[in-house]
Amino acid sequence: MQINEAIDKQSQQLNRLERNLALLKLKERKAETRRKIEFGGLVVKAKMDGYSKAVILGALIDAAQQLEREAGSKLLFHSTGEAAFMGYGGNHNVEPTNTVN
């Protein structure tokens, strides 16, 4: 009887760990989804949602390269972004002039 009780106890512990793992994976997926939605919101806030995905990705790649090349770019981008979050700064009402897809 002791062996069966020990097996049951181990089985219960395993089930608890599997449930905890499933919950952890679900939380991680939700966090990743939220992160992606937030970054998508930045594209909308920057008024770039009228451009094709290729144009947006190209602009981001170009900005990343500029950040690596020019030390002052990070400060410039940061201050521009902070101003945009506060409702100031830049002409963000510019409409896409070329809708190359």
PDB file of N, CA and C in Angstrom:
ATOM      1  N   MET A   1       0.809  -1.198   0.000  1.00  0.00           N
ATOM      2  CA  MET A   1       0.000   0.000   0.000  1.00  0.00           C
ATOM      3  C   MET A   1       0.855   1.266   0.000  1.00  0.00           C
ATOM      4  N   GLN A   2       1.995   1.237   0.677  1.00  0.00           N
ATOM      5  CA  GLN A   2       2.867   2.407   0.724  1.00  0.00           C
ATOM      6  C   GLN A   2       3.369   2.788  -0.661  1.00  0.00           C
ATOM      7  N   ILE A   3       3.660   1.806  -1.469  1.00  0.00           N
ATOM      8  CA  ILE A   3       4.159   2.074  -2.818  1.00  0.00           C
ATOM      9  C   ILE A   3       3.093   2.789  -3.640  1.00  0.00           C
ATOM     10  N   ASN A   4       1.850   2.338  -3.542  1.00  0.00           N
ATOM     11  CA  ASN A   4       0.751   2.980  -4.271  1.00  0.00           C
ATOM     12  C   ASN A   4       0.547   4.417  -3.804  1.00  0.00           C
ATOM     13  N   GLU A   5       0.645   4.654  -2.508  1.00  0.00           N
ATOM     14  CA  GLU A   5       0.503   6.013  -1.967  1.00  0.00           C
ATOM     15  C   GLU A   5       1.639   6.904  -2.459  1.00  0.00           C
ATOM     16  N   ALA A   6       2.841   6.369  -2.493  1.00  0.00           N
ATOM     17  CA  ALA A   6       3.991   7.144  -2.979  1.00  0.00           C
ATOM     18  C   ALA A   6       3.832   7.469  -4.459  1.00  0.00           C
ATOM     19  N   ILE A   7       3.345   6.511  -5.227  1.00  0.00           N
ATOM     20  CA  ILE A   7       3.112   6.736  -6.660  1.00  0.00           C
ATOM     21  C   ILE A   7       2.041   7.799  -6.851  1.00  0.00           C
ATOM     22  N   ASP A   8       0.955   7.713  -6.072  1.00  0.00           N
ATOM     23  CA  ASP A   8      -0.114   8.712  -6.160  1.00  0.00           C
ATOM     24  C   ASP A   8       0.412  10.105  -5.814  1.00  0.00           C
ATOM     25  N   LYS A   9       1.215  10.173  -4.776  1.00  0.00           N
ATOM     26  CA  LYS A   9       1.777  11.461  -4.348  1.00  0.00           C
ATOM     27  C   LYS A   9       2.682  12.047  -5.445  1.00  0.00           C
ATOM     28  N   GLN A  10       3.516  11.210  -6.034  1.00  0.00           N
ATOM     29  CA  GLN A  10       4.392  11.657  -7.121  1.00  0.00           C
ATOM     30  C   GLN A  10       3.571  12.077  -8.338  1.00  0.00           C
ATOM     31  N   SER A  11       2.519  11.335  -8.605  1.00  0.00           N
ATOM     32  CA  SER A  11       1.646  11.652  -9.734  1.00  0.00           C
ATOM     33  C   SER A  11       0.960  13.000  -9.525  1.00  0.00           C
ATOM     34  N   GLN A  12       0.482  13.257  -8.309  1.00  0.00           N
ATOM     35  CA  GLN A  12      -0.144  14.538  -7.992  1.00  0.00           C
ATOM     36  C   GLN A  12       0.851  15.688  -8.132  1.00  0.00           C
ATOM     37  N   GLN A  13       2.064  15.450  -7.661  1.00  0.00           N
ATOM     38  CA  GLN A  13       3.101  16.479  -7.764  1.00  0.00           C
ATOM     39  C   GLN A  13       3.426  16.763  -9.230  1.00  0.00           C
ATOM     40  N   LEU A  14       3.522  15.707 -10.022  1.00  0.00           N
ATOM     41  CA  LEU A  14       3.783  15.868 -11.454  1.00  0.00           C
ATOM     42  C   LEU A  14       2.658  16.647 -12.126  1.00  0.00           C
ATOM     43  N   ASN A  15       1.422  16.318 -11.803  1.00  0.00           N
ATOM     44  CA  ASN A  15       0.279  17.042 -12.369  1.00  0.00           C
ATOM     45  C   ASN A  15       0.303  18.520 -11.997  1.00  0.00           C
ATOM     46  N   ARG A  16       0.653  18.808 -10.727  1.00  0.00           N
ATOM     47  CA  ARG A  16       0.759  20.203 -10.287  1.00  0.00           C
ATOM     48  C   ARG A  16       1.837  20.941 -11.072  1.00  0.00           C
ATOM     49  N   LEU A  17       2.976  20.303 -11.260  1.00  0.00           N
ATOM     50  CA  LEU A  17       4.071  20.927 -12.006  1.00  0.00           C
ATOM     51  C   LEU A  17       3.693  21.147 -13.462  1.00  0.00           C
ATOM     52  N   GLU A  18       2.982  20.193 -14.054  1.00  0.00           N
ATOM     53  CA  GLU A  18       2.537  20.350 -15.442  1.00  0.00           C
ATOM     54  C   GLU A  18       1.550  21.496 -15.574  1.00  0.00           C
ATOM     55  N   ARG A  19       0.628  21.632 -14.602  1.00  0.00           N
ATOM     56  CA  ARG A  19      -0.315  22.759 -14.619  1.00  0.00           C
ATOM     57  C   ARG A  19       0.427  24.087 -14.486  1.00  0.00           C
ATOM     58  N   ASN A  20       1.391  24.125 -13.571  1.00  0.00           N
ATOM     59  CA  ASN A  20       2.176  25.353 -13.386  1.00  0.00           C
ATOM     60  C   ASN A  20       2.954  25.708 -14.648  1.00  0.00           C
ATOM     61  N   LEU A  21       3.510  24.706 -15.309  1.00  0.00           N
ATOM     62  CA  LEU A  21       4.236  24.940 -16.553  1.00  0.00           C
ATOM     63  C   LEU A  21       3.302  25.465 -17.637  1.00  0.00           C
ATOM     64  N   ALA A  22       2.114  24.881 -17.741  1.00  0.00           N
ATOM     65  CA  ALA A  22       1.133  25.339 -18.733  1.00  0.00           C
ATOM     66  C   ALA A  22       0.731  26.782 -18.458  1.00  0.00           C
ATOM     67  N   LEU A  23       0.524  27.132 -17.186  1.00  0.00           N
ATOM     68  CA  LEU A  23       0.181  28.512 -16.829  1.00  0.00           C
ATOM     69  C   LEU A  23       1.318  29.474 -17.148  1.00  0.00           C
ATOM     70  N   LEU A  24       2.541  29.057 -16.877  1.00  0.00           N
ATOM     71  CA  LEU A  24       3.701  29.891 -17.173  1.00  0.00           C
ATOM     72  C   LEU A  24       3.823  30.137 -18.677  1.00  0.00           C
ATOM     73  N   LYS A  25       3.638  29.083 -19.474  1.00  0.00           N
ATOM     74  CA  LYS A  25       3.698  29.242 -20.927  1.00  0.00           C
ATOM     75  C   LYS A  25       2.592  30.169 -21.422  1.00  0.00           C
ATOM     76  N   LEU A  26       1.398  30.055 -20.843  1.00  0.00           N
ATOM     77  CA  LEU A  26       0.293  30.920 -21.223  1.00  0.00           C
ATOM     78  C   LEU A  26       0.611  32.380 -20.895  1.00  0.00           C
ATOM     79  N   LYS A  27       1.178  32.623 -19.708  1.00  0.00           N
ATOM     80  CA  LYS A  27       1.565  33.986 -19.325  1.00  0.00           C
ATOM     81  C   LYS A  27       2.620  34.544 -20.280  1.00  0.00           C
ATOM     82  N   GLU A  28       3.583  33.708 -20.664  1.00  0.00           N
ATOM     83  CA  GLU A  28       4.631  34.153 -21.586  1.00  0.00           C
ATOM     84  C   GLU A  28       4.036  34.495 -22.952  1.00  0.00           C
ATOM     85  N   ARG A  29       3.105  33.671 -23.437  1.00  0.00           N
ATOM     86  CA  ARG A  29       2.458  33.953 -24.728  1.00  0.00           C
ATOM     87  C   ARG A  29       1.676  35.249 -24.662  1.00  0.00           C
ATOM     88  N   LYS A  30       0.953  35.454 -23.568  1.00  0.00           N
ATOM     89  CA  LYS A  30       0.181  36.688 -23.413  1.00  0.00           C
ATOM     90  C   LYS A  30       1.097  37.909 -23.359  1.00  0.00           C
ATOM     91  N   ALA A  31       2.219  37.783 -22.661  1.00  0.00           N
ATOM     92  CA  ALA A  31       3.171  38.896 -22.577  1.00  0.00           C
ATOM     93  C   ALA A  31       3.757  39.206 -23.950  1.00  0.00           C
ATOM     94  N   GLU A  32       4.080  38.174 -24.711  1.00  0.00           N
ATOM     95  CA  GLU A  32       4.629  38.373 -26.056  1.00  0.00           C
ATOM     96  C   GLU A  32       3.580  39.003 -26.971  1.00  0.00           C
ATOM     97  N   THR A  33       2.338  38.562 -26.859  1.00  0.00           N
ATOM     98  CA  THR A  33       1.260  39.145 -27.662  1.00  0.00           C
ATOM     99  C   THR A  33       1.075  40.615 -27.304  1.00  0.00           C
ATOM    100  N   ARG A  34       1.094  40.919 -26.022  1.00  0.00           N
ATOM    101  CA  ARG A  34       0.947  42.317 -25.584  1.00  0.00           C
ATOM    102  C   ARG A  34       2.087  43.171 -26.132  1.00  0.00           C
ATOM    103  N   ARG A  35       3.289  42.644 -26.083  1.00  0.00           N
ATOM    104  CA  ARG A  35       4.459  43.369 -26.592  1.00  0.00           C
ATOM    105  C   ARG A  35       4.299  43.677 -28.077  1.00  0.00           C
ATOM    106  N   LYS A  36       3.837  42.694 -28.847  1.00  0.00           N
ATOM    107  CA  LYS A  36       3.642  42.892 -30.281  1.00  0.00           C
ATOM    108  C   LYS A  36       2.549  43.925 -30.547  1.00  0.00           C
ATOM    109  N   ILE A  37       1.473  43.880 -29.772  1.00  0.00           N
ATOM    110  CA  ILE A  37       0.397  44.855 -29.933  1.00  0.00           C
ATOM    111  C   ILE A  37       0.906  46.261 -29.612  1.00  0.00           C
ATOM    112  N   GLU A  38       1.705  46.385 -28.556  1.00  0.00           N
ATOM    113  CA  GLU A  38       2.260  47.695 -28.205  1.00  0.00           C
ATOM    114  C   GLU A  38       3.141  48.243 -29.319  1.00  0.00           C
ATOM    115  N   PHE A  39       3.985  47.385 -29.905  1.00  0.00           N
ATOM    116  CA  PHE A  39       4.847  47.850 -30.990  1.00  0.00           C
ATOM    117  C   PHE A  39       4.026  48.207 -32.222  1.00  0.00           C
ATOM    118  N   GLY A  40       2.966  47.469 -32.481  1.00  0.00           N
ATOM    119  CA  GLY A  40       2.065  47.827 -33.576  1.00  0.00           C
ATOM    120  C   GLY A  40       1.421  49.181 -33.325  1.00  0.00           C
ATOM    121  N   GLY A  41       1.089  49.440 -32.060  1.00  0.00           N
ATOM    122  CA  GLY A  41       0.522  50.735 -31.705  1.00  0.00           C
ATOM    123  C   GLY A  41       1.488  51.879 -31.961  1.00  0.00           C
ATOM    124  N   LEU A  42       2.780  51.604 -31.805  1.00  0.00           N
ATOM    125  CA  LEU A  42       3.781  52.639 -32.095  1.00  0.00           C
ATOM    126  C   LEU A  42       3.785  52.994 -33.575  1.00  0.00           C
ATOM    127  N   VAL A  43       3.594  52.006 -34.419  1.00  0.00           N
ATOM    128  CA  VAL A  43       3.524  52.263 -35.867  1.00  0.00           C
ATOM    129  C   VAL A  43       2.333  53.168 -36.153  1.00  0.00           C
ATOM    130  N   VAL A  44       1.208  52.900 -35.522  1.00  0.00           N
ATOM    131  CA  VAL A  44       0.009  53.726 -35.710  1.00  0.00           C
ATOM    132  C   VAL A  44       0.254  55.122 -35.159  1.00  0.00           C
ATOM    133  N   LYS A  45       0.837  55.214 -33.961  1.00  0.00           N
ATOM    134  CA  LYS A  45       1.101  56.524 -33.348  1.00  0.00           C
ATOM    135  C   LYS A  45       2.034  57.368 -34.213  1.00  0.00           C
ATOM    136  N   ALA A  46       2.979  56.709 -34.885  1.00  0.00           N
ATOM    137  CA  ALA A  46       3.907  57.424 -35.756  1.00  0.00           C
ATOM    138  C   ALA A  46       3.265  57.755 -37.109  1.00  0.00           C
ATOM    139  N   LYS A  47       1.999  57.408 -37.274  1.00  0.00           N
ATOM    140  CA  LYS A  47       1.253  57.654 -38.523  1.00  0.00           C
ATOM    141  C   LYS A  47       1.910  56.947 -39.705  1.00  0.00           C
ATOM    142  N   MET A  48       2.462  55.771 -39.450  1.00  0.00           N
ATOM    143  CA  MET A  48       3.104  55.000 -40.523  1.00  0.00           C
ATOM    144  C   MET A  48       2.242  53.822 -40.965  1.00  0.00           C
ATOM    145  N   ASP A  49       1.062  53.679 -40.381  1.00  0.00           N
ATOM    146  CA  ASP A  49       0.220  52.535 -40.710  1.00  0.00           C
ATOM    147  C   ASP A  49      -0.356  52.600 -42.125  1.00  0.00           C
ATOM    148  N   GLY A  50      -0.171  53.702 -42.815  1.00  0.00           N
ATOM    149  CA  GLY A  50      -0.609  53.818 -44.204  1.00  0.00           C
ATOM    150  C   GLY A  50       0.430  53.301 -45.190  1.00  0.00           C
ATOM    151  N   TYR A  51       1.609  52.997 -44.694  1.00  0.00           N
ATOM    152  CA  TYR A  51       2.682  52.491 -45.545  1.00  0.00           C
ATOM    153  C   TYR A  51       2.654  50.966 -45.570  1.00  0.00           C
ATOM    154  N   SER A  52       3.295  50.403 -46.564  1.00  0.00           N
ATOM    155  CA  SER A  52       3.370  48.945 -46.650  1.00  0.00           C
ATOM    156  C   SER A  52       4.283  48.404 -45.547  1.00  0.00           C
ATOM    157  N   LYS A  53       4.130  47.130 -45.259  1.00  0.00           N
ATOM    158  CA  LYS A  53       4.980  46.493 -44.253  1.00  0.00           C
ATOM    159  C   LYS A  53       6.444  46.577 -44.651  1.00  0.00           C
ATOM    160  N   ALA A  54       6.726  46.471 -45.940  1.00  0.00           N
ATOM    161  CA  ALA A  54       8.115  46.536 -46.407  1.00  0.00           C
ATOM    162  C   ALA A  54       8.720  47.912 -46.143  1.00  0.00           C
ATOM    163  N   VAL A  55       7.941  48.960 -46.366  1.00  0.00           N
ATOM    164  CA  VAL A  55       8.430  50.316 -46.116  1.00  0.00           C
ATOM    165  C   VAL A  55       8.691  50.514 -44.625  1.00  0.00           C
ATOM    166  N   ILE A  56       7.766  50.058 -43.789  1.00  0.00           N
ATOM    167  CA  ILE A  56       7.922  50.205 -42.339  1.00  0.00           C
ATOM    168  C   ILE A  56       9.150  49.435 -41.862  1.00  0.00           C
ATOM    169  N   LEU A  57       9.299  48.197 -42.322  1.00  0.00           N
ATOM    170  CA  LEU A  57      10.462  47.404 -41.925  1.00  0.00           C
ATOM    171  C   LEU A  57      11.747  48.057 -42.418  1.00  0.00           C
ATOM    172  N   GLY A  58      11.747  48.554 -43.638  1.00  0.00           N
ATOM    173  CA  GLY A  58      12.928  49.236 -44.171  1.00  0.00           C
ATOM    174  C   GLY A  58      13.295  50.453 -43.350  1.00  0.00           C
ATOM    175  N   ALA A  59      12.290  51.221 -42.939  1.00  0.00           N
ATOM    176  CA  ALA A  59      12.540  52.406 -42.113  1.00  0.00           C
ATOM    177  C   ALA A  59      13.128  52.008 -40.759  1.00  0.00           C
ATOM    178  N   LEU A  60      12.607  50.939 -40.193  1.00  0.00           N
ATOM    179  CA  LEU A  60      13.126  50.472 -38.905  1.00  0.00           C
ATOM    180  C   LEU A  60      14.559  49.960 -39.028  1.00  0.00           C
ATOM    181  N   ILE A  61      14.831  49.247 -40.092  1.00  0.00           N
ATOM    182  CA  ILE A  61      16.200  48.754 -40.319  1.00  0.00           C
ATOM    183  C   ILE A  61      17.149  49.929 -40.502  1.00  0.00           C
ATOM    184  N   ASP A  62      16.723  50.907 -41.276  1.00  0.00           N
ATOM    185  CA  ASP A  62      17.553  52.094 -41.494  1.00  0.00           C
ATOM    186  C   ASP A  62      17.798  52.831 -40.173  1.00  0.00           C
ATOM    187  N   ALA A  63      16.764  52.956 -39.355  1.00  0.00           N
ATOM    188  CA  ALA A  63      16.923  53.619 -38.052  1.00  0.00           C
ATOM    189  C   ALA A  63      17.879  52.833 -37.162  1.00  0.00           C
ATOM    190  N   ALA A  64      17.774  51.504 -37.175  1.00  0.00           N
ATOM    191  CA  ALA A  64      18.669  50.670 -36.360  1.00  0.00           C
ATOM    192  C   ALA A  64      20.115  50.850 -36.807  1.00  0.00           C
ATOM    193  N   GLN A  65      20.330  50.900 -38.111  1.00  0.00           N
ATOM    194  CA  GLN A  65      21.696  51.115 -38.620  1.00  0.00           C
ATOM    195  C   GLN A  65      22.207  52.493 -38.234  1.00  0.00           C
ATOM    196  N   GLN A  66      21.317  53.487 -38.297  1.00  0.00           N
ATOM    197  CA  GLN A  66      21.718  54.836 -37.907  1.00  0.00           C
ATOM    198  C   GLN A  66      22.069  54.883 -36.421  1.00  0.00           C
ATOM    199  N   LEU A  67      21.334  54.158 -35.599  1.00  0.00           N
ATOM    200  CA  LEU A  67      21.634  54.101 -34.165  1.00  0.00           C
ATOM    201  C   LEU A  67      23.012  53.508 -33.913  1.00  0.00           C
ATOM    202  N   GLU A  68      23.398  52.523 -34.707  1.00  0.00           N
ATOM    203  CA  GLU A  68      24.713  51.905 -34.559  1.00  0.00           C
ATOM    204  C   GLU A  68      25.828  52.827 -35.049  1.00  0.00           C
ATOM    205  N   ARG A  69      25.568  53.588 -36.110  1.00  0.00           N
ATOM    206  CA  ARG A  69      26.593  54.446 -36.718  1.00  0.00           C
ATOM    207  C   ARG A  69      26.801  55.747 -35.965  1.00  0.00           C
ATOM    208  N   GLU A  70      25.711  56.353 -35.540  1.00  0.00           N
ATOM    209  CA  GLU A  70      25.781  57.713 -35.008  1.00  0.00           C
ATOM    210  C   GLU A  70      25.303  57.737 -33.558  1.00  0.00           C
ATOM    211  N   ALA A  71      26.209  58.067 -32.658  1.00  0.00           N
ATOM    212  CA  ALA A  71      25.903  58.054 -31.223  1.00  0.00           C
ATOM    213  C   ALA A  71      24.765  59.012 -30.866  1.00  0.00           C
ATOM    214  N   GLY A  72      24.684  60.129 -31.539  1.00  0.00           N
ATOM    215  CA  GLY A  72      23.662  61.127 -31.225  1.00  0.00           C
ATOM    216  C   GLY A  72      22.268  60.741 -31.664  1.00  0.00           C
ATOM    217  N   SER A  73      22.164  59.742 -32.509  1.00  0.00           N
ATOM    218  CA  SER A  73      20.853  59.329 -33.012  1.00  0.00           C
ATOM    219  C   SER A  73      19.945  58.833 -31.903  1.00  0.00           C
ATOM    220  N   LYS A  74      20.499  58.110 -30.957  1.00  0.00           N
ATOM    221  CA  LYS A  74      19.669  57.564 -29.880  1.00  0.00           C
ATOM    222  C   LYS A  74      19.036  58.695 -29.079  1.00  0.00           C
ATOM    223  N   LEU A  75      19.823  59.714 -28.759  1.00  0.00           N
ATOM    224  CA  LEU A  75      19.293  60.855 -28.019  1.00  0.00           C
ATOM    225  C   LEU A  75      18.233  61.582 -28.843  1.00  0.00           C
ATOM    226  N   LEU A  76      18.492  61.769 -30.123  1.00  0.00           N
ATOM    227  CA  LEU A  76      17.526  62.433 -31.001  1.00  0.00           C
ATOM    228  C   LEU A  76      16.231  61.636 -31.080  1.00  0.00           C
ATOM    229  N   PHE A  77      16.331  60.334 -31.342  1.00  0.00           N
ATOM    230  CA  PHE A  77      15.139  59.489 -31.445  1.00  0.00           C
ATOM    231  C   PHE A  77      14.385  59.453 -30.116  1.00  0.00           C
ATOM    232  N   HIS A  78      15.144  59.383 -29.022  1.00  0.00           N
ATOM    233  CA  HIS A  78      14.515  59.333 -27.699  1.00  0.00           C
ATOM    234  C   HIS A  78      13.714  60.607 -27.427  1.00  0.00           C
ATOM    235  N   SER A  79      14.337  61.750 -27.664  1.00  0.00           N
ATOM    236  CA  SER A  79      13.637  63.006 -27.383  1.00  0.00           C
ATOM    237  C   SER A  79      12.438  63.192 -28.313  1.00  0.00           C
ATOM    238  N   THR A  80      12.558  62.786 -29.565  1.00  0.00           N
ATOM    239  CA  THR A  80      11.434  62.868 -30.500  1.00  0.00           C
ATOM    240  C   THR A  80      10.300  61.955 -30.040  1.00  0.00           C
ATOM    241  N   GLY A  81      10.645  60.748 -29.607  1.00  0.00           N
ATOM    242  CA  GLY A  81       9.632  59.807 -29.124  1.00  0.00           C
ATOM    243  C   GLY A  81       8.953  60.290 -27.857  1.00  0.00           C
ATOM    244  N   GLU A  82       9.736  60.790 -26.919  1.00  0.00           N
ATOM    245  CA  GLU A  82       9.155  61.320 -25.675  1.00  0.00           C
ATOM    246  C   GLU A  82       8.196  62.462 -25.988  1.00  0.00           C
ATOM    247  N   ALA A  83       8.600  63.348 -26.895  1.00  0.00           N
ATOM    248  CA  ALA A  83       7.732  64.471 -27.270  1.00  0.00           C
ATOM    249  C   ALA A  83       6.440  63.958 -27.902  1.00  0.00           C
ATOM    250  N   ALA A  84       6.538  62.929 -28.727  1.00  0.00           N
ATOM    251  CA  ALA A  84       5.347  62.370 -29.362  1.00  0.00           C
ATOM    252  C   ALA A  84       4.410  61.757 -28.327  1.00  0.00           C
ATOM    253  N   PHE A  85       4.967  61.085 -27.319  1.00  0.00           N
ATOM    254  CA  PHE A  85       4.133  60.496 -26.274  1.00  0.00           C
ATOM    255  C   PHE A  85       3.410  61.576 -25.477  1.00  0.00           C
ATOM    256  N   MET A  86       4.048  62.743 -25.348  1.00  0.00           N
ATOM    257  CA  MET A  86       3.430  63.837 -24.601  1.00  0.00           C
ATOM    258  C   MET A  86       2.527  64.687 -25.491  1.00  0.00           C
ATOM    259  N   GLY A  87       2.475  64.373 -26.770  1.00  0.00           N
ATOM    260  CA  GLY A  87       1.586  65.107 -27.665  1.00  0.00           C
ATOM    261  C   GLY A  87       2.232  66.274 -28.375  1.00  0.00           C
ATOM    262  N   TYR A  88       3.544  66.408 -28.236  1.00  0.00           N
ATOM    263  CA  TYR A  88       4.257  67.483 -28.916  1.00  0.00           C
ATOM    264  C   TYR A  88       5.064  66.911 -30.056  1.00  0.00           C
ATOM    265  N   GLY A  89       5.782  67.799 -30.690  1.00  0.00           N
ATOM    266  CA  GLY A  89       6.861  67.403 -31.579  1.00  0.00           C
ATOM    267  C   GLY A  89       6.432  66.996 -32.965  1.00  0.00           C
ATOM    268  N   GLY A  90       7.406  67.044 -33.822  1.00  0.00           N
ATOM    269  CA  GLY A  90       7.354  66.576 -35.195  1.00  0.00           C
ATOM    270  C   GLY A  90       6.033  66.710 -35.910  1.00  0.00           C
ATOM    271  N   ASN A  91       6.112  66.711 -37.217  1.00  0.00           N
ATOM    272  CA  ASN A  91       4.921  66.744 -38.053  1.00  0.00           C
ATOM    273  C   ASN A  91       4.490  65.304 -38.291  1.00  0.00           C
ATOM    274  N   HIS A  92       3.637  64.792 -37.408  1.00  0.00           N
ATOM    275  CA  HIS A  92       3.183  63.413 -37.538  1.00  0.00           C
ATOM    276  C   HIS A  92       1.872  63.327 -38.309  1.00  0.00           C
ATOM    277  N   ASN A  93       1.492  64.417 -38.965  1.00  0.00           N
ATOM    278  CA  ASN A  93       0.285  64.406 -39.774  1.00  0.00           C
ATOM    279  C   ASN A  93       0.602  64.221 -41.253  1.00  0.00           C
ATOM    280  N   VAL A  94       1.828  63.850 -41.546  1.00  0.00           N
ATOM    281  CA  VAL A  94       2.252  63.656 -42.927  1.00  0.00           C
ATOM    282  C   VAL A  94       1.613  62.385 -43.466  1.00  0.00           C
ATOM    283  N   GLU A  95       0.985  62.483 -44.602  1.00  0.00           N
ATOM    284  CA  GLU A  95       0.359  61.322 -45.241  1.00  0.00           C
ATOM    285  C   GLU A  95       1.382  60.664 -46.160  1.00  0.00           C
ATOM    286  N   PRO A  96       1.308  59.338 -46.313  1.00  0.00           N
ATOM    287  CA  PRO A  96       2.204  58.657 -47.231  1.00  0.00           C
ATOM    288  C   PRO A  96       2.028  59.203 -48.639  1.00  0.00           C
ATOM    289  N   THR A  97       3.134  59.513 -49.310  1.00  0.00           N
ATOM    290  CA  THR A  97       3.035  60.051 -50.651  1.00  0.00           C
ATOM    291  C   THR A  97       3.182  58.975 -51.694  1.00  0.00           C
ATOM    292  N   ASN A  98       3.825  57.875 -51.320  1.00  0.00           N
ATOM    293  CA  ASN A  98       4.033  56.786 -52.265  1.00  0.00           C
ATOM    294  C   ASN A  98       3.623  55.500 -51.579  1.00  0.00           C
ATOM    295  N   THR A  99       2.596  54.861 -52.095  1.00  0.00           N
ATOM    296  CA  THR A  99       2.086  53.644 -51.462  1.00  0.00           C
ATOM    297  C   THR A  99       2.585  52.400 -52.184  1.00  0.00           C
ATOM    298  N   VAL A 100       3.898  52.310 -52.325  1.00  0.00           N
ATOM    299  CA  VAL A 100       4.487  51.136 -52.944  1.00  0.00           C
ATOM    300  C   VAL A 100       4.274  49.958 -52.020  1.00  0.00           C
ATOM    301  N   ASN A 101       3.710  48.871 -52.544  1.00  0.00           N
ATOM    302  CA  ASN A 101       3.457  47.688 -51.711  1.00  0.00           C
ATOM    303  C   ASN A 101       4.445  46.685 -51.978  1.00  0.00           C
TER     304      ASN A 101
END
